[in-house]
Amino acid sequence: MDNELFLGNGSIEIETDELEVKNIDEFISAIKPAQNFEIHPLLNGNLSMSICFKDLTKEVNLTE
């Protein structure tokens, strides 16, 4: 496979002009399974947030 390194990985990327976390415990619970989480300001004034996960999918053999 060409993308074996990334097999099963996934990410969520969000760009927004505002981020408000109303329940910090739920937010932490949602991102806790992530292998990587980052948030940073962009030059256009927005925020960029990325959450990366490993092993989200599993290969399935449909020919059996």
N, C-alpha and C. Protein backbone atom coordinates (compact mmCIF):
# COMPACT_ATOMS: atom_id res chain seq x y z
N MET A 1 0.82 -1.19 0.00
CA MET A 1 0.00 0.00 0.00
C MET A 1 0.86 1.24 0.00
N ASP A 2 0.44 2.25 -0.74
CA ASP A 2 1.20 3.49 -0.81
C ASP A 2 1.16 4.30 0.48
N ASN A 3 0.05 4.22 1.21
CA ASN A 3 -0.13 5.06 2.40
C ASN A 3 -0.17 4.24 3.68
N GLU A 4 0.65 3.20 3.78
CA GLU A 4 0.61 2.35 4.97
C GLU A 4 0.87 3.13 6.25
N LEU A 5 1.72 4.15 6.18
CA LEU A 5 2.03 4.94 7.36
C LEU A 5 0.78 5.61 7.91
N PHE A 6 -0.15 5.98 7.04
CA PHE A 6 -1.34 6.72 7.44
C PHE A 6 -2.59 5.86 7.50
N LEU A 7 -2.49 4.57 7.28
CA LEU A 7 -3.63 3.68 7.31
C LEU A 7 -4.29 3.71 8.67
N GLY A 8 -5.56 4.05 8.71
CA GLY A 8 -6.30 4.08 9.95
C GLY A 8 -6.25 5.39 10.70
N ASN A 9 -5.44 6.34 10.22
CA ASN A 9 -5.33 7.63 10.89
C ASN A 9 -6.41 8.58 10.37
N GLY A 10 -6.77 9.54 11.18
CA GLY A 10 -7.74 10.54 10.77
C GLY A 10 -7.51 11.83 11.52
N SER A 11 -8.08 12.90 11.00
CA SER A 11 -7.91 14.17 11.69
C SER A 11 -9.13 15.06 11.49
N ILE A 12 -9.27 15.98 12.40
CA ILE A 12 -10.29 17.02 12.32
C ILE A 12 -9.54 18.33 12.30
N GLU A 13 -9.84 19.17 11.31
CA GLU A 13 -9.21 20.48 11.22
C GLU A 13 -10.30 21.54 11.15
N ILE A 14 -10.18 22.54 12.00
CA ILE A 14 -11.19 23.59 12.09
C ILE A 14 -10.50 24.94 12.02
N GLU A 15 -11.07 25.85 11.22
CA GLU A 15 -10.64 27.24 11.23
C GLU A 15 -11.85 28.07 11.62
N THR A 16 -11.68 28.92 12.62
CA THR A 16 -12.80 29.71 13.13
C THR A 16 -12.30 31.06 13.61
N ASP A 17 -13.23 31.99 13.72
CA ASP A 17 -12.84 33.31 14.24
C ASP A 17 -13.07 33.41 15.75
N GLU A 18 -13.66 32.38 16.34
CA GLU A 18 -13.94 32.40 17.77
C GLU A 18 -14.04 30.98 18.30
N LEU A 19 -13.54 30.75 19.48
CA LEU A 19 -13.65 29.44 20.14
C LEU A 19 -14.03 29.68 21.59
N GLU A 20 -15.15 29.12 21.96
CA GLU A 20 -15.62 29.22 23.34
C GLU A 20 -15.90 27.81 23.85
N VAL A 21 -15.22 27.42 24.91
CA VAL A 21 -15.43 26.11 25.52
C VAL A 21 -16.28 26.33 26.76
N LYS A 22 -17.53 25.85 26.70
CA LYS A 22 -18.45 26.07 27.82
C LYS A 22 -18.33 25.00 28.89
N ASN A 23 -17.93 23.79 28.49
CA ASN A 23 -17.75 22.72 29.47
C ASN A 23 -16.37 22.11 29.24
N ILE A 24 -15.40 22.56 30.00
CA ILE A 24 -14.01 22.14 29.80
C ILE A 24 -13.84 20.64 30.01
N ASP A 25 -14.58 20.04 30.93
CA ASP A 25 -14.45 18.59 31.16
C ASP A 25 -14.88 17.79 29.94
N GLU A 26 -15.97 18.18 29.28
CA GLU A 26 -16.41 17.50 28.07
C GLU A 26 -15.43 17.71 26.92
N PHE A 27 -14.88 18.91 26.82
CA PHE A 27 -13.89 19.20 25.78
C PHE A 27 -12.65 18.32 25.96
N ILE A 28 -12.16 18.23 27.18
CA ILE A 28 -10.98 17.40 27.46
C ILE A 28 -11.29 15.94 27.17
N SER A 29 -12.46 15.48 27.54
CA SER A 29 -12.86 14.09 27.28
C SER A 29 -12.90 13.80 25.78
N ALA A 30 -13.33 14.77 24.99
CA ALA A 30 -13.43 14.59 23.54
C ALA A 30 -12.06 14.52 22.87
N ILE A 31 -11.09 15.29 23.37
CA ILE A 31 -9.77 15.30 22.72
C ILE A 31 -8.77 14.34 23.37
N LYS A 32 -9.13 13.76 24.49
CA LYS A 32 -8.20 12.88 25.21
C LYS A 32 -7.69 11.70 24.37
N PRO A 33 -8.54 11.06 23.54
CA PRO A 33 -8.04 9.94 22.72
C PRO A 33 -7.10 10.37 21.59
N ALA A 34 -6.96 11.65 21.35
CA ALA A 34 -6.14 12.15 20.25
C ALA A 34 -4.65 11.92 20.51
N GLN A 35 -3.91 11.66 19.44
CA GLN A 35 -2.47 11.54 19.53
C GLN A 35 -1.81 12.91 19.44
N ASN A 36 -2.53 13.87 18.83
CA ASN A 36 -1.98 15.22 18.68
C ASN A 36 -3.12 16.22 18.70
N PHE A 37 -2.92 17.32 19.40
CA PHE A 37 -3.89 18.41 19.44
C PHE A 37 -3.11 19.71 19.40
N GLU A 38 -3.51 20.59 18.49
CA GLU A 38 -2.84 21.89 18.45
C GLU A 38 -3.84 22.97 18.07
N ILE A 39 -3.62 24.13 18.61
CA ILE A 39 -4.42 25.29 18.28
C ILE A 39 -3.48 26.49 18.21
N HIS A 40 -3.64 27.29 17.17
CA HIS A 40 -2.77 28.46 17.02
C HIS A 40 -3.47 29.55 16.22
N PRO A 41 -3.04 30.80 16.41
CA PRO A 41 -3.64 31.91 15.66
C PRO A 41 -3.10 31.95 14.23
N LEU A 42 -3.95 32.38 13.32
CA LEU A 42 -3.56 32.56 11.92
C LEU A 42 -3.36 34.04 11.63
N LEU A 43 -2.67 34.33 10.55
CA LEU A 43 -2.39 35.72 10.19
C LEU A 43 -3.67 36.49 9.82
N ASN A 44 -4.73 35.77 9.42
CA ASN A 44 -5.99 36.44 9.06
C ASN A 44 -6.86 36.73 10.29
N GLY A 45 -6.36 36.45 11.50
CA GLY A 45 -7.10 36.72 12.72
C GLY A 45 -7.90 35.55 13.23
N ASN A 46 -8.02 34.50 12.44
CA ASN A 46 -8.75 33.31 12.85
C ASN A 46 -7.88 32.39 13.69
N LEU A 47 -8.50 31.35 14.23
CA LEU A 47 -7.79 30.29 14.94
C LEU A 47 -7.82 29.02 14.10
N SER A 48 -6.76 28.27 14.14
CA SER A 48 -6.70 26.97 13.49
C SER A 48 -6.55 25.92 14.59
N MET A 49 -7.42 24.89 14.54
CA MET A 49 -7.36 23.81 15.52
C MET A 49 -7.31 22.49 14.77
N SER A 50 -6.37 21.63 15.13
CA SER A 50 -6.22 20.31 14.52
C SER A 50 -6.18 19.24 15.61
N ILE A 51 -6.92 18.17 15.37
CA ILE A 51 -6.93 17.03 16.29
C ILE A 51 -6.67 15.79 15.45
N CYS A 52 -5.61 15.04 15.77
CA CYS A 52 -5.23 13.85 15.01
C CYS A 52 -5.41 12.59 15.85
N PHE A 53 -5.93 11.56 15.20
CA PHE A 53 -6.17 10.28 15.86
C PHE A 53 -5.50 9.16 15.09
N LYS A 54 -5.02 8.13 15.81
CA LYS A 54 -4.46 6.94 15.18
C LYS A 54 -5.44 5.80 15.35
N ASP A 55 -5.38 4.84 14.43
CA ASP A 55 -6.15 3.59 14.52
C ASP A 55 -7.65 3.82 14.57
N LEU A 56 -8.15 4.74 13.75
CA LEU A 56 -9.59 4.98 13.67
C LEU A 56 -10.30 3.92 12.85
N THR A 57 -9.61 3.40 11.87
CA THR A 57 -10.24 2.43 10.97
C THR A 57 -9.47 1.12 10.99
N LYS A 58 -10.10 0.11 10.48
CA LYS A 58 -9.49 -1.20 10.40
C LYS A 58 -9.74 -1.77 9.02
N GLU A 59 -8.73 -2.37 8.42
CA GLU A 59 -8.86 -2.94 7.09
C GLU A 59 -9.81 -4.13 7.14
N VAL A 60 -10.73 -4.18 6.17
CA VAL A 60 -11.71 -5.26 6.09
C VAL A 60 -11.58 -5.92 4.74
N ASN A 61 -11.49 -7.26 4.74
CA ASN A 61 -11.40 -8.01 3.50
C ASN A 61 -12.82 -8.39 3.07
N LEU A 62 -13.31 -7.78 1.99
CA LEU A 62 -14.67 -8.02 1.53
C LEU A 62 -14.77 -9.18 0.57
N THR A 63 -13.66 -9.84 0.25
CA THR A 63 -13.70 -10.95 -0.70
C THR A 63 -13.91 -12.29 -0.02
N GLU A 64 -13.92 -12.34 1.28
CA GLU A 64 -14.10 -13.60 1.99
C GLU A 64 -15.55 -14.01 2.02
